[in-house]
N, C-alpha and C. Protein backbone atom coordinates (compact mmCIF):
# COMPACT_ATOMS: atom_id res chain seq x y z
N MET A 1 176.25 310.61 12.23
CA MET A 1 175.69 311.86 12.70
C MET A 1 174.88 312.48 11.57
N ILE A 2 173.68 312.89 11.87
CA ILE A 2 172.83 313.63 10.94
C ILE A 2 172.60 314.99 11.57
N LEU A 3 173.18 316.01 10.97
CA LEU A 3 173.10 317.37 11.49
C LEU A 3 172.07 318.17 10.72
N ALA A 4 171.13 318.77 11.45
CA ALA A 4 170.18 319.72 10.87
C ALA A 4 170.60 321.12 11.30
N VAL A 5 170.59 322.04 10.36
CA VAL A 5 170.98 323.42 10.61
C VAL A 5 169.77 324.31 10.31
N ILE A 6 169.46 325.23 11.23
CA ILE A 6 168.28 326.08 11.11
C ILE A 6 168.68 327.54 11.34
N ASP A 7 168.29 328.40 10.40
CA ASP A 7 168.52 329.84 10.56
C ASP A 7 167.26 330.58 10.11
N THR A 8 166.55 331.12 11.07
CA THR A 8 165.36 331.93 10.77
C THR A 8 165.49 333.32 11.36
N SER A 9 166.69 333.75 11.68
CA SER A 9 166.85 334.99 12.44
C SER A 9 166.61 336.26 11.63
N THR A 10 166.67 336.18 10.31
CA THR A 10 166.42 337.36 9.49
C THR A 10 165.38 337.02 8.43
N GLN A 11 165.11 337.94 7.53
CA GLN A 11 164.12 337.66 6.49
C GLN A 11 164.62 336.63 5.48
N PHE A 12 165.92 336.36 5.48
CA PHE A 12 166.48 335.32 4.63
C PHE A 12 166.69 334.08 5.48
N ALA A 13 165.78 333.13 5.35
CA ALA A 13 165.81 331.91 6.16
C ALA A 13 166.61 330.84 5.44
N GLY A 14 167.06 329.85 6.20
CA GLY A 14 167.79 328.75 5.59
C GLY A 14 167.80 327.52 6.48
N VAL A 15 167.91 326.38 5.82
CA VAL A 15 168.08 325.11 6.51
C VAL A 15 169.16 324.33 5.78
N GLY A 16 169.75 323.41 6.50
CA GLY A 16 170.74 322.53 5.90
C GLY A 16 170.73 321.19 6.61
N VAL A 17 171.18 320.18 5.90
CA VAL A 17 171.31 318.84 6.47
C VAL A 17 172.63 318.27 5.99
N VAL A 18 173.38 317.68 6.91
CA VAL A 18 174.62 316.98 6.58
C VAL A 18 174.47 315.55 7.09
N ASP A 19 174.75 314.58 6.19
CA ASP A 19 174.59 313.18 6.60
C ASP A 19 175.93 312.58 7.02
N ASP A 20 175.90 311.29 7.37
CA ASP A 20 177.09 310.58 7.85
C ASP A 20 178.24 310.60 6.85
N ALA A 21 177.92 310.61 5.57
CA ALA A 21 178.95 310.58 4.53
C ALA A 21 179.46 311.98 4.18
N GLY A 22 178.92 313.00 4.84
CA GLY A 22 179.34 314.36 4.55
C GLY A 22 178.56 315.01 3.41
N LYS A 23 177.59 314.30 2.86
CA LYS A 23 176.74 314.91 1.83
C LYS A 23 175.85 315.94 2.49
N ARG A 24 175.63 317.05 1.79
CA ARG A 24 174.79 318.08 2.38
C ARG A 24 173.80 318.65 1.38
N VAL A 25 172.71 319.09 1.94
CA VAL A 25 171.66 319.76 1.18
C VAL A 25 171.35 321.05 1.93
N THR A 26 171.26 322.15 1.21
CA THR A 26 170.91 323.42 1.83
C THR A 26 169.78 324.07 1.05
N ARG A 27 169.00 324.84 1.75
CA ARG A 27 167.95 325.64 1.14
C ARG A 27 167.97 327.00 1.82
N ALA A 28 167.85 328.04 1.02
CA ALA A 28 167.74 329.40 1.55
C ALA A 28 166.65 330.11 0.76
N TRP A 29 165.91 330.95 1.44
CA TRP A 29 164.82 331.65 0.78
C TRP A 29 164.51 332.94 1.54
N ARG A 30 163.85 333.83 0.84
CA ARG A 30 163.38 335.06 1.48
C ARG A 30 162.02 334.75 2.08
N SER A 31 161.94 334.87 3.37
CA SER A 31 160.70 334.56 4.09
C SER A 31 160.02 335.87 4.45
N ASP A 32 158.88 336.10 3.89
CA ASP A 32 158.15 337.33 4.17
C ASP A 32 157.28 337.13 5.41
N ARG A 33 157.93 337.02 6.55
CA ARG A 33 157.27 336.81 7.84
C ARG A 33 156.45 335.53 7.89
N ASN A 34 156.94 334.53 7.17
CA ASN A 34 156.27 333.23 7.14
C ASN A 34 157.19 332.12 7.63
N HIS A 35 158.15 332.45 8.47
CA HIS A 35 159.12 331.46 8.93
C HIS A 35 158.43 330.21 9.49
N GLY A 36 157.41 330.41 10.31
CA GLY A 36 156.73 329.28 10.95
C GLY A 36 156.07 328.35 9.95
N ARG A 37 155.57 328.89 8.88
CA ARG A 37 154.89 328.08 7.87
C ARG A 37 155.88 327.41 6.92
N GLU A 38 157.03 328.02 6.70
CA GLU A 38 157.96 327.55 5.67
C GLU A 38 159.09 326.66 6.20
N LEU A 39 159.42 326.77 7.47
CA LEU A 39 160.61 326.10 8.00
C LEU A 39 160.55 324.58 7.92
N MET A 40 159.55 323.97 8.51
CA MET A 40 159.52 322.50 8.54
C MET A 40 159.39 321.88 7.15
N PRO A 41 158.55 322.41 6.25
CA PRO A 41 158.54 321.83 4.90
C PRO A 41 159.92 321.89 4.23
N ALA A 42 160.64 322.98 4.42
CA ALA A 42 161.98 323.09 3.83
C ALA A 42 162.94 322.08 4.45
N LEU A 43 162.85 321.89 5.76
CA LEU A 43 163.72 320.93 6.43
C LEU A 43 163.38 319.50 6.01
N VAL A 44 162.10 319.18 5.96
CA VAL A 44 161.67 317.83 5.56
C VAL A 44 162.10 317.53 4.12
N GLU A 45 161.95 318.51 3.21
CA GLU A 45 162.38 318.32 1.82
C GLU A 45 163.89 318.11 1.74
N SER A 46 164.64 318.86 2.54
CA SER A 46 166.10 318.71 2.54
C SER A 46 166.49 317.33 3.05
N LEU A 47 165.86 316.88 4.11
CA LEU A 47 166.12 315.53 4.62
C LEU A 47 165.77 314.47 3.58
N ALA A 48 164.64 314.63 2.91
CA ALA A 48 164.19 313.65 1.91
C ALA A 48 165.18 313.52 0.76
N GLU A 49 165.84 314.62 0.40
CA GLU A 49 166.84 314.56 -0.68
C GLU A 49 167.98 313.62 -0.33
N LEU A 50 168.20 313.41 0.95
CA LEU A 50 169.24 312.49 1.42
C LEU A 50 168.63 311.18 1.91
N SER A 51 167.37 310.95 1.56
CA SER A 51 166.63 309.75 1.98
C SER A 51 166.56 309.63 3.50
N LEU A 52 166.34 310.77 4.15
CA LEU A 52 166.26 310.82 5.61
C LEU A 52 164.91 311.39 6.04
N ALA A 53 164.57 311.17 7.29
CA ALA A 53 163.35 311.70 7.90
C ALA A 53 163.74 312.52 9.14
N PRO A 54 162.84 313.36 9.64
CA PRO A 54 163.15 314.13 10.85
C PRO A 54 163.59 313.26 12.03
N THR A 55 163.10 312.04 12.12
CA THR A 55 163.50 311.15 13.22
C THR A 55 164.94 310.69 13.11
N ASP A 56 165.57 310.89 11.95
CA ASP A 56 166.97 310.50 11.76
C ASP A 56 167.95 311.55 12.29
N ILE A 57 167.47 312.74 12.58
CA ILE A 57 168.35 313.83 13.04
C ILE A 57 168.98 313.44 14.38
N THR A 58 170.30 313.65 14.49
CA THR A 58 171.01 313.35 15.73
C THR A 58 171.62 314.59 16.39
N HIS A 59 171.78 315.67 15.63
CA HIS A 59 172.36 316.92 16.14
C HIS A 59 171.67 318.09 15.44
N VAL A 60 171.57 319.22 16.15
CA VAL A 60 170.94 320.41 15.56
C VAL A 60 171.80 321.63 15.88
N ALA A 61 171.95 322.50 14.89
CA ALA A 61 172.57 323.81 15.09
C ALA A 61 171.53 324.85 14.72
N VAL A 62 171.45 325.92 15.51
CA VAL A 62 170.41 326.93 15.28
C VAL A 62 170.99 328.33 15.47
N ALA A 63 170.53 329.26 14.63
CA ALA A 63 170.92 330.66 14.76
C ALA A 63 170.20 331.26 15.97
N LEU A 64 170.96 331.98 16.80
CA LEU A 64 170.43 332.53 18.05
C LEU A 64 169.99 333.98 17.95
N GLY A 65 170.28 334.66 16.85
CA GLY A 65 170.01 336.08 16.75
C GLY A 65 171.29 336.85 16.99
N PRO A 66 171.26 338.14 16.89
CA PRO A 66 170.06 338.96 16.84
C PRO A 66 169.31 338.79 15.52
N GLY A 67 168.10 339.28 15.55
CA GLY A 67 167.22 339.21 14.39
C GLY A 67 165.81 339.55 14.81
N GLY A 68 164.87 339.30 13.92
CA GLY A 68 163.48 339.55 14.25
C GLY A 68 163.03 338.66 15.39
N PHE A 69 162.32 339.23 16.36
CA PHE A 69 161.93 338.47 17.55
C PHE A 69 161.16 337.21 17.18
N SER A 70 160.11 337.35 16.39
CA SER A 70 159.31 336.17 16.02
C SER A 70 160.09 335.22 15.15
N ALA A 71 160.93 335.76 14.28
CA ALA A 71 161.73 334.91 13.39
C ALA A 71 162.70 334.04 14.20
N VAL A 72 163.41 334.65 15.14
CA VAL A 72 164.34 333.89 15.99
C VAL A 72 163.56 332.87 16.81
N ARG A 73 162.42 333.26 17.32
CA ARG A 73 161.60 332.38 18.14
C ARG A 73 161.18 331.13 17.37
N VAL A 74 160.84 331.29 16.08
CA VAL A 74 160.45 330.14 15.26
C VAL A 74 161.59 329.14 15.17
N GLY A 75 162.80 329.62 14.89
CA GLY A 75 163.95 328.71 14.77
C GLY A 75 164.27 328.00 16.06
N ILE A 76 164.27 328.73 17.16
CA ILE A 76 164.60 328.12 18.44
C ILE A 76 163.49 327.17 18.90
N SER A 77 162.24 327.54 18.70
CA SER A 77 161.12 326.66 19.09
C SER A 77 161.12 325.38 18.28
N THR A 78 161.38 325.50 16.99
CA THR A 78 161.45 324.31 16.14
C THR A 78 162.60 323.41 16.59
N THR A 79 163.72 324.02 16.90
CA THR A 79 164.87 323.25 17.40
C THR A 79 164.50 322.51 18.68
N LEU A 80 163.85 323.20 19.60
CA LEU A 80 163.44 322.54 20.84
C LEU A 80 162.51 321.37 20.56
N GLY A 81 161.61 321.54 19.61
CA GLY A 81 160.72 320.44 19.25
C GLY A 81 161.46 319.23 18.71
N LEU A 82 162.57 319.48 18.03
CA LEU A 82 163.36 318.38 17.47
C LEU A 82 164.24 317.69 18.51
N ILE A 83 164.73 318.44 19.49
CA ILE A 83 165.77 317.89 20.38
C ILE A 83 165.27 317.38 21.72
N VAL A 84 164.19 317.92 22.25
CA VAL A 84 163.82 317.63 23.63
C VAL A 84 163.50 316.15 23.87
N ALA A 85 162.62 315.57 23.07
CA ALA A 85 162.20 314.19 23.32
C ALA A 85 163.36 313.21 23.24
N LYS A 86 164.26 313.43 22.28
CA LYS A 86 165.39 312.50 22.09
C LYS A 86 166.66 312.97 22.81
N LYS A 87 166.57 314.12 23.49
CA LYS A 87 167.72 314.68 24.21
C LYS A 87 168.93 314.81 23.29
N LEU A 88 168.71 315.41 22.12
CA LEU A 88 169.78 315.59 21.14
C LEU A 88 170.66 316.77 21.51
N PRO A 89 171.93 316.71 21.14
CA PRO A 89 172.81 317.86 21.35
C PRO A 89 172.45 319.00 20.39
N VAL A 90 172.61 320.22 20.88
CA VAL A 90 172.30 321.39 20.07
C VAL A 90 173.43 322.40 20.20
N LEU A 91 173.69 323.11 19.12
CA LEU A 91 174.69 324.17 19.10
C LEU A 91 174.01 325.45 18.68
N GLY A 92 174.10 326.47 19.50
CA GLY A 92 173.58 327.79 19.15
C GLY A 92 174.68 328.62 18.53
N VAL A 93 174.38 329.28 17.43
CA VAL A 93 175.37 330.08 16.71
C VAL A 93 174.84 331.51 16.59
N PRO A 94 175.59 332.51 17.06
CA PRO A 94 175.16 333.89 16.91
C PRO A 94 175.02 334.27 15.43
N THR A 95 173.96 334.98 15.11
CA THR A 95 173.71 335.36 13.72
C THR A 95 174.84 336.20 13.15
N HIS A 96 175.47 337.04 13.96
CA HIS A 96 176.61 337.82 13.45
C HIS A 96 177.73 336.90 12.94
N ASP A 97 177.95 335.78 13.62
CA ASP A 97 178.98 334.83 13.16
C ASP A 97 178.58 334.18 11.84
N ILE A 98 177.30 333.94 11.66
CA ILE A 98 176.82 333.37 10.40
C ILE A 98 177.01 334.37 9.26
N GLU A 99 176.65 335.61 9.51
CA GLU A 99 176.75 336.65 8.48
C GLU A 99 178.19 336.85 8.00
N VAL A 100 179.15 336.79 8.91
CA VAL A 100 180.55 337.05 8.53
C VAL A 100 181.24 335.81 7.97
N GLY A 101 180.63 334.64 8.10
CA GLY A 101 181.25 333.40 7.66
C GLY A 101 181.88 333.43 6.28
N PRO A 102 181.16 333.90 5.25
CA PRO A 102 181.76 333.92 3.90
C PRO A 102 182.96 334.86 3.77
N PHE A 103 183.15 335.74 4.75
CA PHE A 103 184.22 336.72 4.69
C PHE A 103 185.34 336.43 5.69
N ARG A 104 185.33 335.23 6.27
CA ARG A 104 186.30 334.86 7.30
C ARG A 104 187.74 335.03 6.81
N ASP A 105 188.03 334.70 5.54
CA ASP A 105 189.40 334.86 5.02
C ASP A 105 189.85 336.32 5.06
N LEU A 106 188.95 337.24 4.80
CA LEU A 106 189.29 338.66 4.87
C LEU A 106 189.59 339.07 6.30
N VAL A 107 188.78 338.58 7.23
CA VAL A 107 189.00 338.89 8.65
C VAL A 107 190.36 338.38 9.09
N VAL A 108 190.68 337.15 8.72
CA VAL A 108 191.96 336.55 9.10
C VAL A 108 193.12 337.32 8.49
N SER A 109 192.91 337.89 7.30
CA SER A 109 193.99 338.64 6.65
C SER A 109 194.16 340.04 7.24
N GLY A 110 193.32 340.40 8.21
CA GLY A 110 193.48 341.68 8.89
C GLY A 110 192.51 342.76 8.47
N ILE A 111 191.61 342.47 7.56
CA ILE A 111 190.63 343.46 7.14
C ILE A 111 189.43 343.38 8.09
N PRO A 112 189.08 344.49 8.74
CA PRO A 112 187.91 344.45 9.62
C PRO A 112 186.62 344.35 8.79
N VAL A 113 185.74 343.46 9.22
CA VAL A 113 184.45 343.27 8.56
C VAL A 113 183.37 343.47 9.62
N TYR A 114 182.40 344.30 9.31
CA TYR A 114 181.27 344.54 10.20
C TYR A 114 180.05 343.80 9.67
N SER A 115 179.44 342.97 10.49
CA SER A 115 178.17 342.35 10.12
C SER A 115 177.05 343.25 10.65
N LEU A 116 176.05 343.47 9.80
CA LEU A 116 174.95 344.37 10.13
C LEU A 116 173.62 343.61 10.01
N ILE A 117 172.81 343.69 11.06
CA ILE A 117 171.53 342.99 11.10
C ILE A 117 170.47 344.00 11.53
N PRO A 118 169.32 344.04 10.84
CA PRO A 118 168.26 344.98 11.23
C PRO A 118 167.86 344.78 12.69
N ALA A 119 167.68 345.90 13.40
CA ALA A 119 167.29 345.83 14.81
C ALA A 119 165.97 346.55 15.06
N GLY A 120 165.25 346.88 14.00
CA GLY A 120 163.96 347.57 14.14
C GLY A 120 164.15 349.06 14.32
N ARG A 121 163.07 349.80 14.11
CA ARG A 121 163.06 351.26 14.27
C ARG A 121 164.22 351.94 13.53
N GLN A 122 164.53 351.46 12.34
CA GLN A 122 165.62 352.02 11.53
C GLN A 122 166.96 351.99 12.26
N GLU A 123 167.15 351.00 13.11
CA GLU A 123 168.43 350.80 13.78
C GLU A 123 169.04 349.49 13.29
N LEU A 124 170.32 349.33 13.57
CA LEU A 124 170.99 348.10 13.18
C LEU A 124 171.84 347.58 14.32
N SER A 125 171.92 346.27 14.39
CA SER A 125 172.83 345.59 15.31
C SER A 125 174.10 345.35 14.52
N TRP A 126 175.23 345.71 15.09
CA TRP A 126 176.49 345.55 14.37
C TRP A 126 177.52 344.83 15.24
N MET A 127 178.44 344.17 14.57
CA MET A 127 179.58 343.56 15.25
C MET A 127 180.80 343.71 14.36
N ARG A 128 181.89 344.15 14.97
CA ARG A 128 183.16 344.28 14.26
C ARG A 128 183.93 342.97 14.43
N HIS A 129 184.26 342.36 13.30
CA HIS A 129 185.02 341.11 13.30
C HIS A 129 186.44 341.42 12.83
N SER A 130 187.41 341.08 13.65
CA SER A 130 188.81 341.23 13.26
C SER A 130 189.63 340.23 14.04
N GLU A 131 190.88 340.16 13.71
CA GLU A 131 191.77 339.20 14.36
C GLU A 131 192.64 339.86 15.42
N THR A 132 192.17 340.96 15.98
CA THR A 132 192.95 341.62 17.03
C THR A 132 192.43 341.18 18.39
N PRO A 133 193.29 341.15 19.40
CA PRO A 133 192.89 340.67 20.73
C PRO A 133 191.72 341.44 21.34
N ASP A 134 191.56 342.73 20.99
CA ASP A 134 190.49 343.50 21.61
C ASP A 134 189.11 343.18 21.04
N ASP A 135 189.03 342.30 20.06
CA ASP A 135 187.75 341.92 19.48
C ASP A 135 187.33 340.52 19.89
N VAL A 136 187.88 340.02 20.98
CA VAL A 136 187.58 338.67 21.43
C VAL A 136 186.99 338.76 22.84
N GLY A 137 186.01 337.93 23.10
CA GLY A 137 185.45 337.86 24.44
C GLY A 137 184.56 339.02 24.79
N PRO A 138 184.48 339.35 26.09
CA PRO A 138 183.51 340.35 26.55
C PRO A 138 183.79 341.75 26.04
N ASP A 139 184.98 342.01 25.53
CA ASP A 139 185.30 343.33 25.02
C ASP A 139 185.09 343.45 23.51
N ALA A 140 184.49 342.44 22.89
CA ALA A 140 184.25 342.49 21.45
C ALA A 140 183.45 343.75 21.12
N GLN A 141 183.76 344.33 19.98
CA GLN A 141 183.08 345.55 19.58
C GLN A 141 181.75 345.20 18.92
N THR A 142 180.68 345.56 19.59
CA THR A 142 179.35 345.26 19.10
C THR A 142 178.38 346.31 19.65
N GLY A 143 177.27 346.48 18.99
CA GLY A 143 176.30 347.45 19.49
C GLY A 143 175.06 347.53 18.63
N VAL A 144 174.17 348.40 19.06
CA VAL A 144 172.95 348.72 18.31
C VAL A 144 172.93 350.23 18.17
N SER A 145 172.75 350.72 16.95
CA SER A 145 172.76 352.16 16.73
C SER A 145 172.01 352.51 15.45
N SER A 146 171.84 353.80 15.27
CA SER A 146 171.28 354.28 14.00
C SER A 146 172.34 354.12 12.93
N PRO A 147 171.95 354.07 11.66
CA PRO A 147 172.96 353.98 10.61
C PRO A 147 173.97 355.13 10.66
N GLN A 148 173.51 356.35 10.94
CA GLN A 148 174.43 357.48 10.98
C GLN A 148 175.41 357.36 12.14
N ASP A 149 174.94 356.95 13.31
CA ASP A 149 175.85 356.77 14.45
C ASP A 149 176.86 355.66 14.17
N PHE A 150 176.42 354.60 13.50
CA PHE A 150 177.34 353.54 13.13
C PHE A 150 178.39 354.06 12.15
N LEU A 151 177.96 354.83 11.18
CA LEU A 151 178.89 355.38 10.18
C LEU A 151 179.96 356.24 10.84
N ASP A 152 179.61 356.96 11.88
CA ASP A 152 180.57 357.82 12.58
C ASP A 152 181.71 357.03 13.20
N ARG A 153 181.52 355.75 13.49
CA ARG A 153 182.57 354.93 14.10
C ARG A 153 183.29 354.06 13.08
N LEU A 154 182.79 353.99 11.86
CA LEU A 154 183.33 353.10 10.83
C LEU A 154 184.69 353.59 10.34
N GLU A 155 185.70 352.73 10.44
CA GLU A 155 187.04 353.13 10.00
C GLU A 155 187.22 352.90 8.50
N PRO A 156 188.10 353.66 7.87
CA PRO A 156 188.38 353.47 6.44
C PRO A 156 188.90 352.06 6.17
N GLY A 157 188.49 351.49 5.06
CA GLY A 157 188.97 350.17 4.67
C GLY A 157 188.15 349.02 5.22
N ALA A 158 187.22 349.30 6.12
CA ALA A 158 186.38 348.24 6.67
C ALA A 158 185.34 347.83 5.64
N LEU A 159 184.95 346.57 5.69
CA LEU A 159 183.92 346.05 4.80
C LEU A 159 182.65 345.78 5.59
N LEU A 160 181.51 345.86 4.91
CA LEU A 160 180.22 345.62 5.53
C LEU A 160 179.56 344.41 4.91
N CYS A 161 178.88 343.61 5.74
CA CYS A 161 178.10 342.48 5.23
C CYS A 161 176.85 342.36 6.07
N GLY A 162 175.88 341.63 5.56
CA GLY A 162 174.68 341.36 6.33
C GLY A 162 173.45 342.05 5.79
N GLU A 163 172.32 341.63 6.32
CA GLU A 163 171.03 342.06 5.81
C GLU A 163 170.76 343.55 5.99
N ALA A 164 171.36 344.20 6.98
CA ALA A 164 171.08 345.63 7.21
C ALA A 164 171.97 346.55 6.38
N CYS A 165 172.75 346.00 5.46
CA CYS A 165 173.58 346.85 4.61
C CYS A 165 172.74 347.84 3.81
N ASP A 166 171.49 347.46 3.50
CA ASP A 166 170.65 348.37 2.74
C ASP A 166 170.36 349.66 3.51
N LEU A 167 170.44 349.63 4.84
CA LEU A 167 170.25 350.85 5.63
C LEU A 167 171.42 351.82 5.46
N MET A 168 172.54 351.32 4.95
CA MET A 168 173.74 352.14 4.79
C MET A 168 173.88 352.72 3.38
N VAL A 169 173.01 352.27 2.46
CA VAL A 169 173.11 352.74 1.07
C VAL A 169 172.97 354.26 1.05
N GLY A 170 173.88 354.89 0.36
CA GLY A 170 173.89 356.34 0.27
C GLY A 170 174.72 356.98 1.36
N LEU A 171 174.61 356.50 2.59
CA LEU A 171 175.38 357.09 3.69
C LEU A 171 176.87 356.87 3.51
N VAL A 172 177.26 355.64 3.19
CA VAL A 172 178.68 355.32 3.06
C VAL A 172 179.28 356.08 1.89
N GLU A 173 178.59 356.07 0.73
CA GLU A 173 179.12 356.76 -0.44
C GLU A 173 179.26 358.26 -0.18
N ASP A 174 178.27 358.85 0.51
CA ASP A 174 178.31 360.28 0.78
C ASP A 174 179.42 360.66 1.75
N SER A 175 179.86 359.73 2.59
CA SER A 175 180.87 360.05 3.59
C SER A 175 182.29 359.90 3.08
N ARG A 176 182.47 359.27 1.94
CA ARG A 176 183.83 359.00 1.45
C ARG A 176 184.33 360.10 0.56
């Protein structure tokens, strides 16, 4: 199995490749609205590091958003270009799940972690990640709001992660 991973949902883009032996190559960069121009060269370079070509890909995982409309579209369109002709399996991963990934141990230990993603117009998309039953399935706590409205619902002891954390700078400190 040769897995290609694509995330263009925010201004921080990334690709990864995992080969049959479990070797992996990853690249991440700040994309200044150039996802379409930068994505395939980064993926091809990552494949080449493992002596692979795009035709060797057998599976693809792609970030589904939320995120910038055009940015998400680039990742999904590129994925479709890779999978359609060969009918490859694809896995879509919500961007909120990607953002909280490095903090999964904290979530499992009972600390609520909110992932924050820019939603335009000085708003943010947020999701509360915790190990309580009310945060699973259709009742998961998620929304889009202004930073101040989000702060009004934020419980003490919660941690924040994600690209929209910069919208909270100053607000969180002032509220504590």
